[in-house]
């Protein structure tokens, strides 16, 4: 699905989400990644939703976002309460949703100038 959105110049944003992957600029990513409006981390050490825990989230916490969106693939699942508490204790908002929804939400929040980070697992 092509995502069309007017985004301030100089910001990273998601162009599309398809079976080919998540397109950012002219590159398709099939592996899990972390995206802020200023930085792309394409070597996130997570291979599935079960790998999301304190040590794999540290790279996200280092970015000090206002809100984090976790795209968990085609089916929405929820993080364990202890893992959710890691965000709460740092004052970071957390939303877990399908990857397509997380991509659309990331673009909207980025266009609003919010300090948002998306941690995305491929569909």
Protein backbone atom coordinates (compact mmCIF):
# COMPACT_ATOMS: atom_id res chain seq x y z
CA UNK A 1 0.00 0.00 0.00
CA UNK A 2 1.41 3.35 -1.03
CA UNK A 3 1.34 5.94 1.74
CA UNK A 4 1.05 9.51 0.49
CA UNK A 5 1.55 12.27 2.98
CA UNK A 6 2.94 15.76 3.00
CA UNK A 7 5.96 15.64 5.31
CA UNK A 8 8.31 18.47 6.30
CA UNK A 9 11.52 18.43 4.26
CA UNK A 10 14.46 16.60 5.74
CA UNK A 11 12.41 14.07 7.73
CA UNK A 12 12.54 10.35 7.16
CA UNK A 13 9.14 8.86 6.51
CA UNK A 14 7.62 5.67 5.19
CA UNK A 15 6.68 5.68 1.52
CA UNK A 16 4.94 2.31 1.37
CA UNK A 17 4.31 -1.03 3.03
CA UNK A 18 4.04 -4.02 0.66
CA UNK A 19 4.99 -7.67 0.40
CA UNK A 20 8.36 -6.37 -0.84
CA UNK A 21 8.92 -4.68 2.51
CA UNK A 22 8.80 -1.25 4.06
CA UNK A 23 10.01 1.44 1.66
CA UNK A 24 11.91 4.36 3.11
CA UNK A 25 13.31 6.68 0.46
CA UNK A 26 14.20 4.30 -2.40
CA UNK A 27 15.05 1.24 -0.32
CA UNK A 28 12.83 -1.68 0.69
CA UNK A 29 13.54 -3.20 4.11
CA UNK A 30 12.47 -6.78 4.85
CA UNK A 31 14.20 -6.98 8.22
CA UNK A 32 13.07 -5.46 11.54
CA UNK A 33 14.05 -1.81 11.84
CA UNK A 34 13.77 1.25 14.02
CA UNK A 35 12.86 4.60 12.49
CA UNK A 36 12.73 8.12 13.84
CA UNK A 37 12.31 11.25 11.74
CA UNK A 38 16.08 11.71 11.83
CA UNK A 39 17.53 8.21 12.01
CA UNK A 40 17.08 4.73 10.52
CA UNK A 41 18.47 1.72 12.36
CA UNK A 42 18.20 -1.23 10.00
CA UNK A 43 20.13 -3.75 12.10
CA UNK A 44 17.76 -4.08 15.08
CA UNK A 45 18.62 -7.37 16.79
CA UNK A 46 15.02 -8.65 16.88
CA UNK A 47 13.84 -11.53 14.72
CA UNK A 48 10.33 -11.89 16.14
CA UNK A 49 7.95 -10.19 18.54
CA UNK A 50 9.13 -12.54 21.32
CA UNK A 51 12.60 -10.96 21.12
CA UNK A 52 11.34 -7.57 22.27
CA UNK A 53 12.64 -7.10 25.81
CA UNK A 54 14.73 -4.73 27.90
CA UNK A 55 18.05 -5.33 26.11
CA UNK A 56 16.60 -5.09 22.59
CA UNK A 57 14.63 -1.97 23.51
CA UNK A 58 17.67 -0.07 24.78
CA UNK A 59 18.46 1.29 21.30
CA UNK A 60 14.95 2.83 21.26
CA UNK A 61 15.28 4.25 24.78
CA UNK A 62 18.59 5.86 23.77
CA UNK A 63 16.69 7.92 21.16
CA UNK A 64 14.57 9.42 23.99
CA UNK A 65 11.28 9.52 22.05
CA UNK A 66 8.00 10.96 23.23
CA UNK A 67 6.09 7.99 21.85
CA UNK A 68 7.03 4.58 20.44
CA UNK A 69 4.98 2.65 17.91
CA UNK A 70 5.66 -1.06 17.64
CA UNK A 71 4.51 -2.70 14.43
CA UNK A 72 4.18 -6.39 15.20
CA UNK A 73 3.48 -7.78 11.71
CA UNK A 74 0.06 -8.62 10.26
CA UNK A 75 -1.56 -9.55 13.57
CA UNK A 76 -1.71 -7.30 16.60
CA UNK A 77 -0.22 -8.75 19.76
CA UNK A 78 0.62 -7.10 23.06
CA UNK A 79 3.83 -6.83 25.02
CA UNK A 80 3.92 -8.44 28.46
CA UNK A 81 3.02 -6.02 31.28
CA UNK A 82 6.62 -5.99 32.58
CA UNK A 83 7.89 -4.91 29.15
CA UNK A 84 5.18 -2.25 28.88
CA UNK A 85 6.34 -1.00 32.29
CA UNK A 86 9.79 -0.26 30.84
CA UNK A 87 8.17 2.46 28.73
CA UNK A 88 5.94 3.75 31.53
CA UNK A 89 8.89 4.08 33.93
CA UNK A 90 10.67 6.26 31.36
CA UNK A 91 7.64 8.43 30.60
CA UNK A 92 7.45 7.17 27.01
CA UNK A 93 4.08 6.57 25.37
CA UNK A 94 3.67 3.14 23.76
CA UNK A 95 1.29 1.84 21.10
CA UNK A 96 1.46 -1.68 19.69
CA UNK A 97 -0.37 -2.32 16.40
CA UNK A 98 -0.03 -4.06 13.07
CA UNK A 99 2.96 -2.94 11.03
CA UNK A 100 0.79 -1.24 8.39
CA UNK A 101 -1.04 0.76 11.05
CA UNK A 102 2.24 1.66 12.77
CA UNK A 103 3.67 2.95 9.48
CA UNK A 104 0.63 5.16 8.81
CA UNK A 105 0.60 6.43 12.40
CA UNK A 106 4.34 7.16 12.29
CA UNK A 107 3.91 9.37 9.22
CA UNK A 108 1.00 11.25 10.80
CA UNK A 109 2.82 11.90 14.07
CA UNK A 110 6.04 12.84 12.28
CA UNK A 111 4.12 15.33 10.11
CA UNK A 112 2.77 16.89 13.32
CA UNK A 113 6.33 17.38 14.53
CA UNK A 114 6.06 14.76 17.29
CA UNK A 115 9.17 12.98 18.56
CA UNK A 116 8.09 9.52 17.44
CA UNK A 117 9.99 6.28 16.94
CA UNK A 118 8.62 3.25 15.09
CA UNK A 119 10.00 -0.22 15.76
CA UNK A 120 8.77 -2.29 12.84
CA UNK A 121 8.66 -6.01 12.18
CA UNK A 122 7.98 -6.92 8.55
CA UNK A 123 4.52 -8.13 7.60
